[in-house]
Amino acid sequence: MPRSSSPARRERRRPPVAKEKPRPRPHEQPRTAAVEVPSEPFRVAFVTGSTPDKWAQRFRERSRRTLVLVPVEESDQERVVRDGRADMVLARLPVDREGLHCIPLYDEQPVVVVALDHVVTVAEELTTDELADEQLVLPERSGWRPAVEQLPWPPMGIPDAVEVAASGSGVVVLPMALARLHHRRDVTYRPVTDLPPTQVGLVWSLDVDGPDVQTFIGVVRGRTARSSRD
């Protein structure tokens, strides 16, 4: 009969001990280069009626620099980049291209703003021939004027012009974005199909460049974060 080995003499198996990887010495620690972020924010101005929000969100996802959006009136849209108050501006074109870069982005549909009970509201869209007898409260951008003799309207801003249109004394032709922005309960608008559209574009000084400028350009052009610069 075979003898069994005693517990004292039985060899106990121990689980293998994992060897600890040697740690690098302090002087061997890898160094990560610090990324310097400008303390000044990146300022993008936008003309009344333009919508920079979606581009601003994508820029913030791709850059560590603080982005500040600056609303400006159309009369000031060029000046903010020429005098350095903004790095770039979403402007309503045309602009004086001297000393400036410009990328056209999208068109704006012209519409006529009229009182709710105006006769033209029976149509879904209009031509300038159907507005030939109207009083144009503000000058139209392309230079079009109704055929009928015009009253000597005083200079006024868009809110006042829309108020005049609401009274039924005249009409206003605006980019649709501005018509929506200044909408009132007592007015409506209709597209005017034979007037040229306005354009919104990205404008910045020839003297301004850098990674954040190029990042914003890539955003408005629809490039992904991994796309190379065109």
Protein backbone atom coordinates (compact mmCIF):
# COMPACT_ATOMS: atom_id res chain seq x y z
CA MET A 1 0.00 0.00 0.00
CA PRO A 2 1.62 3.30 -1.05
CA ARG A 3 2.43 5.73 1.70
CA SER A 4 0.95 9.19 1.53
CA SER A 5 3.29 12.06 2.17
CA SER A 6 2.82 13.91 5.42
CA PRO A 7 1.29 17.42 5.42
CA ALA A 8 4.50 18.83 6.84
CA ARG A 9 6.51 17.45 3.99
CA ARG A 10 3.87 18.09 1.32
CA GLU A 11 5.04 20.83 -1.01
CA ARG A 12 2.70 23.76 -1.01
CA ARG A 13 2.15 25.56 -4.28
CA ARG A 14 2.11 29.32 -4.08
CA PRO A 15 0.52 31.53 -6.75
CA PRO A 16 3.07 33.32 -8.88
CA VAL A 17 3.81 36.84 -7.75
CA ALA A 18 3.39 39.49 -10.46
CA LYS A 19 6.53 41.39 -10.98
CA GLU A 20 6.08 45.12 -10.47
CA LYS A 21 7.26 47.19 -13.39
CA PRO A 22 10.13 49.42 -12.46
CA ARG A 23 9.02 52.97 -11.90
CA PRO A 24 10.91 55.71 -13.67
CA ARG A 25 13.11 57.79 -11.49
CA PRO A 26 12.13 61.42 -10.91
CA HIS A 27 14.61 62.68 -13.45
CA GLU A 28 13.26 60.17 -15.97
CA GLN A 29 9.58 61.25 -15.74
CA PRO A 30 8.17 62.24 -19.19
CA ARG A 31 7.51 65.92 -19.50
CA THR A 32 4.36 67.29 -21.11
CA ALA A 33 4.78 70.57 -22.87
CA ALA A 34 2.48 73.25 -21.49
CA VAL A 35 -0.02 74.64 -23.99
CA GLU A 36 -0.10 78.40 -23.73
CA VAL A 37 -3.63 79.80 -24.04
CA PRO A 38 -3.90 83.52 -24.79
CA SER A 39 -5.38 85.44 -21.87
CA GLU A 40 -7.34 87.72 -24.21
CA PRO A 41 -10.60 86.20 -25.47
CA PHE A 42 -11.21 85.51 -29.15
CA ARG A 43 -13.85 88.02 -30.19
CA VAL A 44 -16.27 87.33 -33.03
CA ALA A 45 -18.74 90.12 -33.80
CA PHE A 46 -22.02 89.38 -35.55
CA VAL A 47 -24.34 91.73 -37.39
CA THR A 48 -27.96 92.04 -36.29
CA GLY A 49 -30.00 89.12 -37.62
CA SER A 50 -27.11 86.71 -38.18
CA THR A 51 -26.93 83.52 -36.10
CA PRO A 52 -23.43 82.56 -34.92
CA ASP A 53 -24.48 80.16 -32.14
CA LYS A 54 -23.88 76.84 -33.93
CA TRP A 55 -20.43 77.95 -35.12
CA ALA A 56 -19.56 79.31 -31.68
CA GLN A 57 -20.41 75.96 -30.09
CA ARG A 58 -18.20 74.04 -32.52
CA PHE A 59 -15.34 76.49 -32.01
CA ARG A 60 -15.53 76.02 -28.24
CA GLU A 61 -15.32 72.26 -28.73
CA ARG A 62 -12.08 72.64 -30.71
CA SER A 63 -10.25 75.48 -28.97
CA ARG A 64 -9.28 76.14 -25.37
CA ARG A 65 -9.44 79.89 -25.92
CA THR A 66 -12.42 81.78 -24.56
CA LEU A 67 -14.82 82.89 -27.30
CA VAL A 68 -16.83 86.08 -26.87
CA LEU A 69 -19.67 86.97 -29.26
CA VAL A 70 -20.12 90.71 -29.84
CA PRO A 71 -23.41 91.98 -31.39
CA VAL A 72 -22.96 94.95 -33.74
CA GLU A 73 -25.15 97.11 -35.92
CA GLU A 74 -24.62 96.92 -39.67
CA SER A 75 -23.26 100.47 -39.70
CA ASP A 76 -20.42 99.36 -37.40
CA GLN A 77 -19.67 95.90 -38.81
CA GLU A 78 -16.49 96.84 -40.72
CA ARG A 79 -15.17 99.21 -38.10
CA VAL A 80 -15.03 96.57 -35.35
CA VAL A 81 -12.41 94.54 -37.24
CA ARG A 82 -10.52 97.53 -38.63
CA ASP A 83 -9.99 99.02 -35.17
CA GLY A 84 -9.35 95.70 -33.43
CA ARG A 85 -12.46 95.50 -31.27
CA ALA A 86 -13.18 92.08 -32.82
CA ASP A 87 -10.95 89.45 -34.42
CA MET A 88 -13.60 88.51 -36.98
CA VAL A 89 -17.14 89.58 -37.84
CA LEU A 90 -20.16 87.95 -39.44
CA ALA A 91 -21.14 90.87 -41.68
CA ARG A 92 -23.90 91.62 -44.11
CA LEU A 93 -22.25 92.05 -47.51
CA PRO A 94 -21.03 93.91 -49.42
CA VAL A 95 -18.17 95.42 -47.44
CA ASP A 96 -15.17 97.46 -48.52
CA ARG A 97 -12.63 94.70 -49.22
CA GLU A 98 -9.59 96.98 -48.88
CA GLY A 99 -7.42 95.40 -46.19
CA LEU A 100 -9.96 92.70 -45.38
CA HIS A 101 -10.47 88.98 -45.98
CA CYS A 102 -14.03 87.91 -46.79
CA ILE A 103 -15.69 84.50 -47.09
CA PRO A 104 -19.33 84.59 -48.29
CA LEU A 105 -21.39 82.15 -46.22
CA TYR A 106 -25.09 82.21 -47.05
CA ASP A 107 -27.84 84.20 -48.78
CA GLU A 108 -30.76 85.96 -47.14
CA GLN A 109 -34.18 86.08 -48.79
CA PRO A 110 -35.63 89.61 -49.20
CA VAL A 111 -39.18 90.01 -47.90
CA VAL A 112 -41.69 92.85 -47.77
CA VAL A 113 -43.09 93.72 -44.35
CA VAL A 114 -46.72 94.91 -44.44
CA ALA A 115 -49.70 95.41 -42.16
CA LEU A 116 -51.76 92.31 -41.40
CA ASP A 117 -54.71 93.51 -43.47
CA HIS A 118 -52.65 94.60 -46.49
CA VAL A 119 -54.00 93.40 -49.83
CA VAL A 120 -50.70 91.66 -50.78
CA THR A 121 -51.08 89.18 -47.93
CA VAL A 122 -53.45 87.12 -50.10
CA ALA A 123 -50.37 85.89 -52.01
CA GLU A 124 -47.68 83.55 -50.68
CA GLU A 125 -44.93 85.45 -52.52
CA LEU A 126 -44.66 88.62 -54.56
CA THR A 127 -42.74 90.36 -57.33
CA THR A 128 -41.75 94.02 -57.45
CA ASP A 129 -44.48 94.64 -60.06
CA GLU A 130 -47.05 93.83 -57.39
CA LEU A 131 -45.47 96.46 -55.13
CA ALA A 132 -45.29 99.18 -57.80
CA ASP A 133 -47.92 101.36 -56.08
CA GLU A 134 -46.51 101.11 -52.57
CA GLN A 135 -44.71 103.67 -50.41
CA LEU A 136 -41.27 102.32 -49.54
CA VAL A 137 -40.45 103.51 -46.03
CA LEU A 138 -36.73 102.57 -46.13
CA PRO A 139 -34.45 102.51 -49.20
CA GLU A 140 -34.14 98.99 -50.62
CA ARG A 141 -30.58 97.62 -50.76
CA SER A 142 -30.40 96.95 -54.49
CA GLY A 143 -31.78 100.40 -55.35
CA TRP A 144 -35.25 99.24 -56.43
CA ARG A 145 -38.03 101.80 -55.98
CA PRO A 146 -41.78 101.46 -56.60
CA ALA A 147 -43.09 103.17 -59.74
CA VAL A 148 -45.37 105.54 -57.85
CA GLU A 149 -43.96 108.86 -56.60
CA GLN A 150 -42.54 108.41 -53.14
CA LEU A 151 -43.14 110.49 -50.03
CA PRO A 152 -40.09 112.18 -48.45
CA TRP A 153 -39.68 109.69 -45.63
CA PRO A 154 -37.28 110.87 -42.91
CA PRO A 155 -34.31 108.65 -41.99
CA MET A 156 -35.37 106.03 -39.44
CA GLY A 157 -34.26 102.74 -37.98
CA ILE A 158 -35.80 99.37 -38.72
CA PRO A 159 -38.08 99.27 -35.64
CA ASP A 160 -39.60 102.63 -36.57
CA ALA A 161 -39.96 101.58 -40.22
CA VAL A 162 -41.77 98.40 -39.20
CA GLU A 163 -44.08 100.50 -37.03
CA VAL A 164 -44.91 102.66 -40.06
CA ALA A 165 -45.63 99.50 -42.06
CA ALA A 166 -47.91 98.29 -39.26
CA SER A 167 -49.94 101.50 -39.60
CA GLY A 168 -50.56 100.76 -43.29
CA SER A 169 -48.80 103.94 -44.48
CA GLY A 170 -46.00 102.12 -46.29
CA VAL A 171 -44.01 98.92 -46.68
CA VAL A 172 -40.49 97.84 -45.77
CA VAL A 173 -38.23 95.44 -47.70
CA LEU A 174 -35.75 93.62 -45.44
CA PRO A 175 -33.70 90.44 -45.31
CA MET A 176 -35.94 87.76 -43.83
CA ALA A 177 -33.70 87.43 -40.76
CA LEU A 178 -34.30 91.10 -39.89
CA ALA A 179 -38.02 90.81 -40.57
CA ARG A 180 -38.17 87.94 -38.09
CA LEU A 181 -36.05 89.79 -35.56
CA HIS A 182 -38.30 92.87 -35.63
CA HIS A 183 -41.57 90.99 -35.99
CA ARG A 184 -44.70 92.43 -34.38
CA ARG A 185 -48.19 91.05 -33.95
CA ASP A 186 -49.63 93.68 -36.28
CA VAL A 187 -47.37 92.95 -39.29
CA THR A 188 -46.51 90.04 -41.54
CA TYR A 189 -44.10 89.53 -44.44
CA ARG A 190 -43.96 87.90 -47.86
CA PRO A 191 -40.92 86.89 -49.98
CA VAL A 192 -40.14 89.13 -52.96
CA THR A 193 -38.87 86.74 -55.62
CA ASP A 194 -37.25 89.09 -58.14
CA LEU A 195 -35.06 91.12 -55.77
CA PRO A 196 -31.44 90.01 -55.28
CA PRO A 197 -30.69 88.28 -51.97
CA THR A 198 -28.34 89.74 -49.41
CA GLN A 199 -25.32 87.74 -48.24
CA VAL A 200 -23.75 87.17 -44.86
CA GLY A 201 -20.01 86.60 -44.85
CA LEU A 202 -17.09 86.14 -42.47
CA VAL A 203 -14.78 89.17 -42.53
CA TRP A 204 -11.44 89.83 -40.83
CA SER A 205 -8.36 92.01 -41.25
CA LEU A 206 -5.45 90.97 -43.47
CA ASP A 207 -3.25 91.59 -40.42
CA VAL A 208 -5.06 89.05 -38.24
CA ASP A 209 -4.17 85.35 -38.36
CA GLY A 210 -3.37 82.48 -36.05
CA PRO A 211 -4.66 79.05 -35.01
CA ASP A 212 -7.94 80.38 -33.63
CA VAL A 213 -8.67 82.33 -36.81
CA GLN A 214 -8.02 79.21 -38.86
CA THR A 215 -10.13 77.11 -36.49
CA PHE A 216 -13.10 79.45 -36.90
CA ILE A 217 -12.65 79.48 -40.67
CA GLY A 218 -12.70 75.68 -40.63
CA VAL A 219 -15.86 75.69 -38.53
CA VAL A 220 -17.84 77.99 -40.85
CA ARG A 221 -16.62 76.05 -43.89
CA GLY A 222 -17.87 72.81 -42.39
CA ARG A 223 -14.50 71.16 -41.89
CA THR A 224 -14.28 68.56 -39.15
CA ALA A 225 -11.80 68.82 -36.30
CA ARG A 226 -9.49 66.32 -38.10
CA SER A 227 -9.68 67.99 -41.49
CA SER A 228 -6.59 69.65 -42.83
CA ARG A 229 -6.59 73.26 -43.79
CA ASP A 230 -7.67 73.86 -47.41
